[in-house]
Protein backbone atom coordinates (compact mmCIF):
# COMPACT_ATOMS: atom_id res chain seq x y z
CA MET A 1 -36.83 -52.15 24.18
CA ILE A 2 -34.88 -54.92 22.49
CA PRO A 3 -31.16 -54.09 22.38
CA LEU A 4 -29.09 -54.73 19.28
CA ASP A 5 -26.54 -57.46 19.70
CA ARG A 6 -22.93 -56.32 19.76
CA GLY A 7 -21.24 -56.96 16.43
CA ARG A 8 -17.76 -56.53 15.03
CA ARG A 9 -15.57 -53.46 14.75
CA LEU A 10 -15.48 -51.98 11.27
CA GLY A 11 -12.35 -50.94 9.48
CA ALA A 12 -11.55 -48.77 6.49
CA ALA A 13 -12.59 -51.40 3.95
CA ASP A 14 -16.10 -51.56 5.40
CA CYS A 15 -16.42 -47.81 5.21
CA GLY A 16 -15.15 -47.67 1.67
CA LEU A 17 -12.33 -45.54 3.00
CA GLY A 18 -8.59 -45.84 2.80
CA SER A 19 -5.34 -44.04 3.22
CA GLY A 20 -5.41 -42.60 -0.29
CA ARG A 21 -6.23 -39.04 -1.21
CA GLY A 22 -9.72 -37.94 -0.16
CA GLY A 23 -9.90 -40.20 2.88
CA GLY A 24 -9.83 -37.27 5.24
CA ALA A 25 -9.64 -37.34 8.99
CA GLY A 26 -12.31 -39.06 11.02
CA ARG A 27 -13.19 -42.22 12.91
CA GLU A 28 -13.11 -44.48 9.87
CA GLU A 29 -11.14 -47.14 11.76
CA GLY A 30 -13.39 -47.20 14.81
CA SER A 31 -17.03 -47.60 13.84
CA VAL A 32 -18.81 -50.61 15.32
CA ALA A 33 -21.65 -52.54 13.68
CA GLU A 34 -24.36 -54.13 15.79
CA GLU A 35 -27.00 -56.53 14.45
CA GLY A 36 -30.28 -57.07 16.24
CA SER A 37 -33.91 -56.12 16.43
CA VAL A 38 -36.10 -53.05 16.69
CA PRO A 39 -39.50 -53.51 18.36
CA GLU A 40 -42.43 -53.22 15.92
CA GLU A 41 -45.32 -55.62 16.52
CA GLY A 42 -42.70 -58.05 17.77
CA SER A 43 -39.37 -57.10 16.29
CA VAL A 44 -37.74 -55.94 13.09
CA ALA A 45 -34.16 -56.67 12.18
CA GLY A 46 -31.82 -53.72 12.14
CA THR A 47 -28.18 -52.76 11.84
CA LEU A 48 -26.69 -50.05 14.05
CA ILE A 49 -23.33 -48.60 13.04
CA ALA A 50 -21.83 -46.20 15.55
CA PRO A 51 -18.55 -44.67 16.70
CA PRO A 52 -16.90 -46.26 19.74
CA GLY A 53 -17.58 -44.76 23.12
CA PRO A 54 -20.66 -43.84 25.10
CA GLY A 55 -21.55 -40.71 23.12
CA PRO A 56 -23.95 -39.10 22.92
CA PHE A 57 -23.80 -38.96 19.11
CA PRO A 58 -26.28 -37.58 16.54
CA GLY A 59 -28.71 -40.26 15.40
CA TRP A 60 -29.57 -41.10 11.78
CA VAL A 61 -32.16 -43.63 10.60
CA VAL A 62 -31.47 -44.67 7.01
CA LEU A 63 -34.13 -46.42 4.91
CA HIS A 64 -32.94 -48.66 2.10
CA GLY A 65 -34.87 -48.58 -1.16
CA ILE A 66 -36.73 -51.32 -3.05
CA THR A 67 -33.72 -53.58 -3.24
CA ARG A 68 -33.14 -57.27 -2.64
CA PRO A 69 -30.14 -56.98 -0.29
CA GLY A 70 -32.00 -54.43 1.84
CA ARG A 71 -29.97 -53.23 4.81
CA ASN A 72 -27.15 -55.57 3.83
CA HIS A 73 -26.47 -53.91 0.51
CA ARG A 74 -22.73 -53.38 0.45
CA SER A 75 -22.93 -49.83 -0.88
CA LEU A 76 -25.56 -48.82 1.65
CA ARG A 77 -23.43 -50.24 4.46
CA GLN A 78 -20.45 -48.31 3.14
CA PHE A 79 -22.49 -45.13 3.21
CA ALA A 80 -23.74 -45.79 6.74
CA SER A 81 -20.26 -46.74 7.95
CA ALA A 82 -18.71 -43.65 6.43
CA LEU A 83 -21.43 -41.49 7.95
CA ALA A 84 -20.82 -43.10 11.33
CA SER A 85 -17.13 -42.33 10.94
CA THR A 86 -17.97 -38.63 11.03
CA GLY A 87 -19.41 -39.12 14.54
CA ALA A 88 -22.98 -40.34 14.04
CA ARG A 89 -25.04 -43.33 15.16
CA VAL A 90 -26.68 -44.80 12.06
CA LEU A 91 -29.55 -47.30 12.21
CA ILE A 92 -30.69 -49.19 9.10
CA PRO A 93 -33.97 -51.01 9.80
CA GLU A 94 -34.90 -54.00 7.69
CA ILE A 95 -38.04 -53.41 5.63
CA ARG A 96 -38.78 -56.97 4.56
CA HIS A 97 -41.51 -56.00 2.10
CA TRP A 98 -39.08 -53.81 0.18
CA ARG A 99 -36.56 -56.65 -0.02
CA GLU A 100 -39.32 -58.76 -1.54
CA LEU A 101 -40.01 -55.91 -4.02
CA ASP A 102 -43.39 -55.11 -2.49
CA LEU A 103 -44.03 -51.37 -2.32
CA ALA A 104 -46.13 -51.80 0.84
CA PRO A 105 -46.08 -48.21 2.16
CA GLU A 106 -48.20 -48.87 5.26
CA PRO A 107 -45.95 -51.55 6.80
CA ALA A 108 -42.96 -49.41 5.89
CA GLN A 109 -44.47 -46.48 7.79
CA ARG A 110 -44.81 -48.59 10.92
CA ILE A 111 -41.25 -49.87 10.68
CA LEU A 112 -39.59 -46.52 10.03
CA ARG A 113 -41.47 -44.88 12.90
CA SER A 114 -40.51 -47.68 15.28
CA ALA A 115 -36.89 -47.38 14.19
CA VAL A 116 -36.82 -43.64 14.78
CA ARG A 117 -38.38 -43.96 18.23
CA TRP A 118 -35.99 -46.76 19.18
CA LEU A 119 -32.90 -44.82 18.15
CA ALA A 120 -34.11 -41.55 19.69
CA ALA A 121 -34.61 -43.28 23.06
CA SER A 122 -31.46 -45.39 22.82
CA PRO A 123 -28.57 -44.62 25.19
CA GLY A 124 -25.76 -42.97 23.31
CA THR A 125 -28.03 -41.03 20.96
CA GLU A 126 -27.95 -37.26 21.21
CA SER A 127 -31.17 -35.67 22.47
CA GLY A 128 -33.27 -33.42 20.30
CA GLY A 129 -34.40 -35.94 17.71
CA VAL A 130 -32.78 -37.99 14.96
CA MET A 131 -32.35 -37.47 11.24
CA LEU A 132 -34.54 -39.62 8.98
CA VAL A 133 -33.14 -40.47 5.54
CA GLY A 134 -35.17 -42.09 2.78
CA PHE A 135 -33.49 -43.32 -0.39
CA SER A 136 -35.48 -43.59 -3.62
CA PHE A 137 -39.00 -44.89 -2.89
CA GLY A 138 -38.28 -44.41 0.80
CA GLY A 139 -37.92 -40.65 0.36
CA PRO A 140 -41.61 -39.76 0.02
CA GLN A 141 -42.41 -42.16 2.84
CA ALA A 142 -39.90 -40.43 5.10
CA ILE A 143 -41.38 -37.03 4.20
CA LEU A 144 -44.90 -38.29 4.86
CA ALA A 145 -43.88 -39.53 8.31
CA ALA A 146 -42.24 -36.18 9.07
CA SER A 147 -45.53 -34.42 8.32
CA ASP A 148 -47.15 -36.11 11.33
CA PRO A 149 -46.88 -33.46 14.08
CA ASP A 150 -46.71 -36.01 16.88
CA PHE A 151 -44.04 -38.10 15.18
CA ALA A 152 -42.08 -35.03 14.10
CA ARG A 153 -41.16 -34.45 17.76
CA GLU A 154 -38.81 -37.41 17.40
CA LEU A 155 -37.05 -35.88 14.39
CA LYS A 156 -34.30 -33.36 13.88
CA GLY A 157 -34.91 -33.31 10.13
CA VAL A 158 -35.74 -35.42 7.09
CA LEU A 159 -33.67 -36.08 3.98
CA ALA A 160 -35.15 -37.56 0.77
CA TRP A 161 -32.53 -38.79 -1.67
CA GLY A 162 -33.36 -39.67 -5.28
CA SER A 163 -37.12 -39.46 -4.68
CA TYR A 164 -40.21 -38.74 -6.76
CA ALA A 165 -43.05 -36.25 -6.55
CA ASP A 166 -45.58 -37.85 -8.88
CA LEU A 167 -45.98 -41.58 -9.58
CA GLU A 168 -47.47 -41.20 -13.06
CA ARG A 169 -44.79 -38.78 -14.22
CA THR A 170 -42.09 -41.07 -12.86
CA LEU A 171 -43.60 -44.04 -14.68
CA ARG A 172 -43.61 -42.04 -17.88
CA PHE A 173 -39.89 -41.51 -17.51
CA GLN A 174 -39.33 -45.18 -16.73
CA PHE A 175 -40.98 -46.09 -20.02
CA THR A 176 -39.89 -43.30 -22.34
CA GLY A 177 -36.85 -41.69 -20.73
CA GLU A 178 -38.55 -38.30 -21.06
CA HIS A 179 -38.74 -35.77 -18.27
CA ALA A 180 -38.99 -32.01 -17.99
CA TYR A 181 -38.78 -29.10 -15.61
CA ALA A 182 -39.40 -25.37 -15.96
CA GLY A 183 -39.88 -25.58 -19.71
CA THR A 184 -36.73 -27.62 -20.38
CA ASP A 185 -37.08 -31.12 -21.81
CA TYR A 186 -34.65 -33.92 -20.98
CA ARG A 187 -34.22 -37.43 -22.29
CA GLN A 188 -32.05 -40.34 -21.19
CA ALA A 189 -32.26 -44.12 -21.38
CA PRO A 190 -34.01 -45.38 -18.24
CA ASP A 191 -33.17 -48.56 -16.39
CA PRO A 192 -36.21 -50.89 -16.73
CA TYR A 193 -35.91 -52.05 -13.10
CA GLY A 194 -38.23 -49.30 -11.90
CA ARG A 195 -41.10 -50.08 -14.25
CA TRP A 196 -40.72 -53.83 -13.57
CA VAL A 197 -41.13 -53.28 -9.83
CA VAL A 198 -44.08 -50.91 -10.26
CA ALA A 199 -45.79 -53.32 -12.66
CA ALA A 200 -45.19 -56.26 -10.32
CA ASN A 201 -47.13 -54.37 -7.65
CA CYS A 202 -49.63 -52.34 -9.62
CA LEU A 203 -50.51 -54.13 -12.85
CA PRO A 204 -53.15 -56.40 -11.22
CA HIS A 205 -54.87 -53.24 -9.92
CA THR A 206 -54.97 -51.64 -13.36
CA PRO A 207 -58.45 -51.43 -14.94
CA GLY A 208 -58.64 -53.96 -17.75
CA LYS A 209 -55.44 -55.72 -16.65
CA GLU A 210 -56.74 -57.58 -13.61
CA ASP A 211 -55.98 -60.90 -15.33
CA ALA A 212 -52.32 -59.97 -15.94
CA ALA A 213 -50.98 -61.60 -12.77
CA ASP A 214 -48.72 -63.76 -14.92
CA VAL A 215 -47.13 -60.66 -16.45
CA ALA A 216 -46.69 -59.09 -13.00
CA SER A 217 -45.11 -62.28 -11.66
CA ALA A 218 -42.72 -62.57 -14.60
CA LEU A 219 -41.60 -58.95 -14.21
CA ARG A 220 -41.11 -59.45 -10.49
CA GLY A 221 -38.89 -62.42 -11.27
CA LEU A 222 -36.79 -60.35 -13.66
CA ALA A 223 -36.38 -57.53 -11.16
CA ALA A 224 -35.55 -59.97 -8.36
CA ARG A 225 -32.87 -61.65 -10.44
CA ALA A 226 -31.28 -58.33 -11.37
CA GLY A 227 -31.34 -57.39 -7.69
CA ASP A 228 -29.87 -60.69 -6.56
CA LEU A 229 -27.05 -60.37 -9.07
CA GLN A 230 -26.65 -56.64 -8.38
CA ILE A 231 -26.48 -55.81 -12.06
CA PRO A 232 -28.35 -53.13 -14.04
CA ALA A 233 -31.71 -54.44 -15.23
CA HIS A 234 -30.80 -53.68 -18.84
CA ASP A 235 -27.74 -55.95 -18.72
CA PRO A 236 -27.78 -58.25 -21.79
CA SER A 237 -26.94 -61.24 -19.58
CA LEU A 238 -30.58 -61.15 -18.39
CA GLU A 239 -31.92 -61.86 -21.89
CA PRO A 240 -32.11 -65.67 -21.44
CA LEU A 241 -34.08 -65.16 -18.23
CA ARG A 242 -36.31 -62.61 -19.96
CA GLN A 243 -37.11 -65.17 -22.62
CA ALA A 244 -37.81 -67.85 -20.02
CA MET A 245 -40.12 -65.53 -18.08
CA ARG A 246 -41.89 -64.53 -21.27
CA ALA A 247 -42.55 -68.19 -22.05
CA GLU A 248 -44.56 -68.46 -18.81
CA VAL A 249 -46.89 -65.62 -19.84
CA ALA A 250 -50.12 -66.45 -21.64
CA ASP A 251 -49.90 -65.90 -25.40
CA GLU A 252 -52.54 -63.19 -25.35
CA ARG A 253 -50.47 -61.19 -22.84
CA LYS A 254 -46.98 -61.61 -24.29
CA GLU A 255 -47.31 -58.28 -26.07
CA LEU A 256 -48.05 -56.62 -22.74
CA PHE A 257 -44.98 -58.28 -21.23
CA ASP A 258 -42.87 -57.00 -24.14
CA LEU A 259 -44.07 -53.48 -23.46
CA PHE A 260 -42.37 -53.64 -20.06
CA ALA A 261 -39.47 -55.92 -20.97
CA PRO A 262 -38.47 -55.65 -24.64
CA PRO A 263 -35.69 -57.88 -25.98
CA MET A 264 -32.28 -56.81 -24.75
CA GLY A 265 -29.78 -55.93 -27.45
CA GLU A 266 -26.11 -55.30 -27.24
CA LYS A 267 -26.70 -52.11 -25.25
CA GLY A 268 -29.09 -53.72 -22.85
CA GLY A 269 -32.40 -53.33 -24.63
CA SER A 270 -33.78 -50.55 -26.72
CA PHE A 271 -37.32 -49.27 -26.70
CA SER A 272 -37.83 -49.14 -30.45
CA PRO A 273 -39.36 -50.84 -32.32
CA TYR A 274 -40.69 -52.92 -29.45
CA MET A 275 -42.55 -50.16 -27.67
CA ALA A 276 -45.84 -48.80 -28.95
CA ARG A 277 -45.58 -45.33 -27.50
CA GLU A 278 -49.23 -44.34 -27.36
CA ARG A 279 -50.19 -47.68 -25.91
CA ALA A 280 -47.53 -47.29 -23.26
CA LEU A 281 -48.73 -43.80 -22.32
CA SER A 282 -52.31 -45.03 -22.02
CA LEU A 283 -51.17 -47.91 -19.83
CA ILE A 284 -49.17 -45.53 -17.63
CA ARG A 285 -52.27 -43.40 -16.97
CA SER A 286 -54.50 -46.34 -16.10
CA MET A 287 -51.85 -48.15 -14.05
CA SER A 288 -51.09 -45.01 -12.03
CA ALA A 289 -54.78 -44.49 -11.31
CA GLY A 290 -55.21 -48.10 -10.25
CA ALA A 291 -52.12 -47.94 -8.05
CA ARG A 292 -53.31 -44.79 -6.28
CA ALA A 293 -56.70 -46.37 -5.66
CA ALA A 294 -55.16 -49.56 -4.25
CA GLU A 295 -52.33 -47.87 -2.31
CA PRO A 296 -53.02 -44.15 -1.73
CA LEU A 297 -49.69 -43.74 0.08
CA LEU A 298 -47.82 -44.34 -3.19
CA ASP A 299 -48.53 -40.68 -3.93
CA PRO A 300 -48.25 -39.26 -0.40
CA LEU A 301 -47.95 -35.55 -1.19
CA ALA A 302 -51.71 -35.10 -1.21
CA ARG A 303 -51.74 -36.09 2.46
CA ILE A 304 -49.09 -33.62 3.55
CA GLU A 305 -50.34 -30.31 4.94
CA ARG A 306 -47.31 -29.03 6.80
CA ILE A 307 -43.84 -30.18 7.85
CA THR A 308 -42.34 -28.54 10.91
CA VAL A 309 -38.84 -30.08 10.74
CA PRO A 310 -36.11 -29.14 8.24
CA VAL A 311 -36.47 -30.87 4.87
CA ARG A 312 -33.46 -31.67 2.69
CA LEU A 313 -33.80 -33.00 -0.86
CA LEU A 314 -30.91 -34.46 -2.81
CA HIS A 315 -30.73 -36.10 -6.24
CA GLY A 316 -28.08 -37.31 -8.67
CA LYS A 317 -28.37 -35.68 -12.07
CA GLY A 318 -27.47 -38.95 -13.81
CA ASP A 319 -30.26 -40.96 -12.15
CA VAL A 320 -31.76 -43.46 -14.62
CA LEU A 321 -34.44 -44.86 -12.29
CA ILE A 322 -36.05 -41.65 -11.05
CA PRO A 323 -35.11 -38.41 -12.86
CA PHE A 324 -33.63 -35.50 -10.96
CA THR A 325 -36.48 -33.29 -12.16
CA GLU A 326 -38.77 -35.17 -9.78
CA THR A 327 -36.84 -33.78 -6.82
CA LEU A 328 -37.12 -30.26 -8.27
CA ALA A 329 -40.88 -30.75 -8.63
CA LEU A 330 -41.01 -32.20 -5.12
CA ALA A 331 -39.31 -29.07 -3.79
CA ASP A 332 -41.83 -26.84 -5.56
CA GLN A 333 -44.70 -28.70 -3.95
CA LEU A 334 -43.17 -28.81 -0.48
CA ARG A 335 -41.92 -25.24 -0.34
CA PRO A 336 -45.30 -23.75 0.73
CA ARG A 337 -45.64 -26.45 3.38
CA THR A 338 -42.36 -26.01 5.25
CA GLN A 339 -40.25 -23.05 6.35
CA ASP A 340 -36.91 -24.85 6.12
CA LEU A 341 -36.23 -26.53 2.77
CA LYS A 342 -32.95 -26.99 0.90
CA VAL A 343 -32.38 -28.78 -2.39
CA GLY A 344 -29.25 -30.18 -4.00
CA ILE A 345 -28.80 -31.65 -7.48
CA THR A 346 -25.37 -33.20 -7.83
CA GLY A 347 -23.40 -34.71 -10.66
CA LEU A 348 -21.45 -36.92 -8.25
CA PHE A 349 -23.97 -39.70 -7.79
CA ALA A 350 -26.52 -41.66 -9.79
CA HIS A 351 -29.44 -43.49 -8.18
CA SER A 352 -29.19 -44.37 -4.51
CA GLY A 353 -31.37 -47.46 -4.32
CA GLY A 354 -31.96 -50.42 -6.63
CA ASN A 355 -29.26 -52.48 -8.31
CA GLY A 356 -25.83 -52.57 -9.72
CA GLU A 357 -24.37 -49.31 -10.89
CA HIS A 358 -27.19 -47.25 -9.42
CA VAL A 359 -26.61 -48.22 -5.80
CA GLY A 360 -22.92 -48.59 -6.47
CA VAL A 361 -22.51 -44.84 -6.16
CA TRP A 362 -21.14 -45.28 -2.65
CA SER A 363 -18.48 -47.72 -3.82
CA ARG A 364 -16.46 -44.57 -4.53
CA ILE A 365 -17.07 -43.16 -1.06
CA ARG A 366 -13.35 -42.92 -0.36
CA GLU A 367 -12.96 -40.29 -3.06
CA ASN A 368 -16.09 -38.53 -1.83
CA PHE A 369 -15.57 -38.75 1.91
CA GLN A 370 -15.65 -34.99 2.19
CA PHE A 371 -19.21 -35.09 0.85
CA LEU A 372 -20.32 -36.76 4.07
CA ARG A 373 -19.06 -33.81 6.04
CA VAL A 374 -20.83 -31.48 3.63
CA LEU A 375 -24.00 -33.54 4.07
CA ARG A 376 -23.95 -32.93 7.81
CA ARG A 377 -22.66 -29.38 7.76
CA VAL A 378 -24.50 -27.76 4.85
CA PHE A 379 -27.84 -29.30 5.69
CA GLU A 380 -27.41 -28.04 9.26
CA VAL A 381 -29.63 -30.68 10.74
CA SER A 382 -27.17 -32.78 12.69
């Protein structure tokens, strides 16, 4: 095993905590961050945040989403630090592909499994398995890993936060803002970041769009810039870059580019009149089919027969990247496959992985410190 290098002691500012109301009692002044490597075909960078002392403490492995800062995202570190302040050892492995906006589920599976095994065997971690947490795109991957009976022995439970059940249905929301559950229809303006990332990965695999690598590259550039700046992808300040990226797309494919990235108005880009709805829906169907053929693990539920560890699903009702109805649908599909499933839809938080305001939910962790205790107590897995 490759030990993590000892880092610095964290204080209240790192945890997003303070002396104001809602801070609560805990170890918020004592958590320690360690930077180093986790063995996985060599090594993978990781950050371990833990309370002081030998322990043993409950172990949590937290997967960042498809986001440029990766494990170094300030809000994610605040979440991990605050969780550690409740008496947990929290490991955030670096998934390089996700930082580069590559969906890459197979490498991610190897990394998350290595991280879990490393933490479970690490001195100071409580025996009996660790908790695996997947934010956003990482949620279904965490659930898939937990369905492996051999690997599940290393787990105490799995938590998917802000995840999806069906890629095509999620894409439909990312284009149209429409979603539904149990006969109730919902609509809200989606952040285009999600469809940019999916297109960057999946458009070249779409039947009839194999020559659209320039469109995929331009959309990847837009998403990367939004991620680097940590601003919502519909921010009007991205319009000059959108125009520059569009100029690099072949004339015959500019209309396709506009379907994904329409001009951004005062409110960050509207979908009318730039979006041809029926054309978009047709593209969603073909792109989803091509993506599943190229990367079957993008829709992992079909591979899951049974999960023997507790499953916890959580979603913010205001999510504009993946709608909360996807977690409700995910629960419906998982319920026959596990005996211990709990679901929570909350109005406290928006999306938990991505950019700007959507990962900034933990910037208010001081006011919501008690939620961390609820997370550990109500889910009864740690």
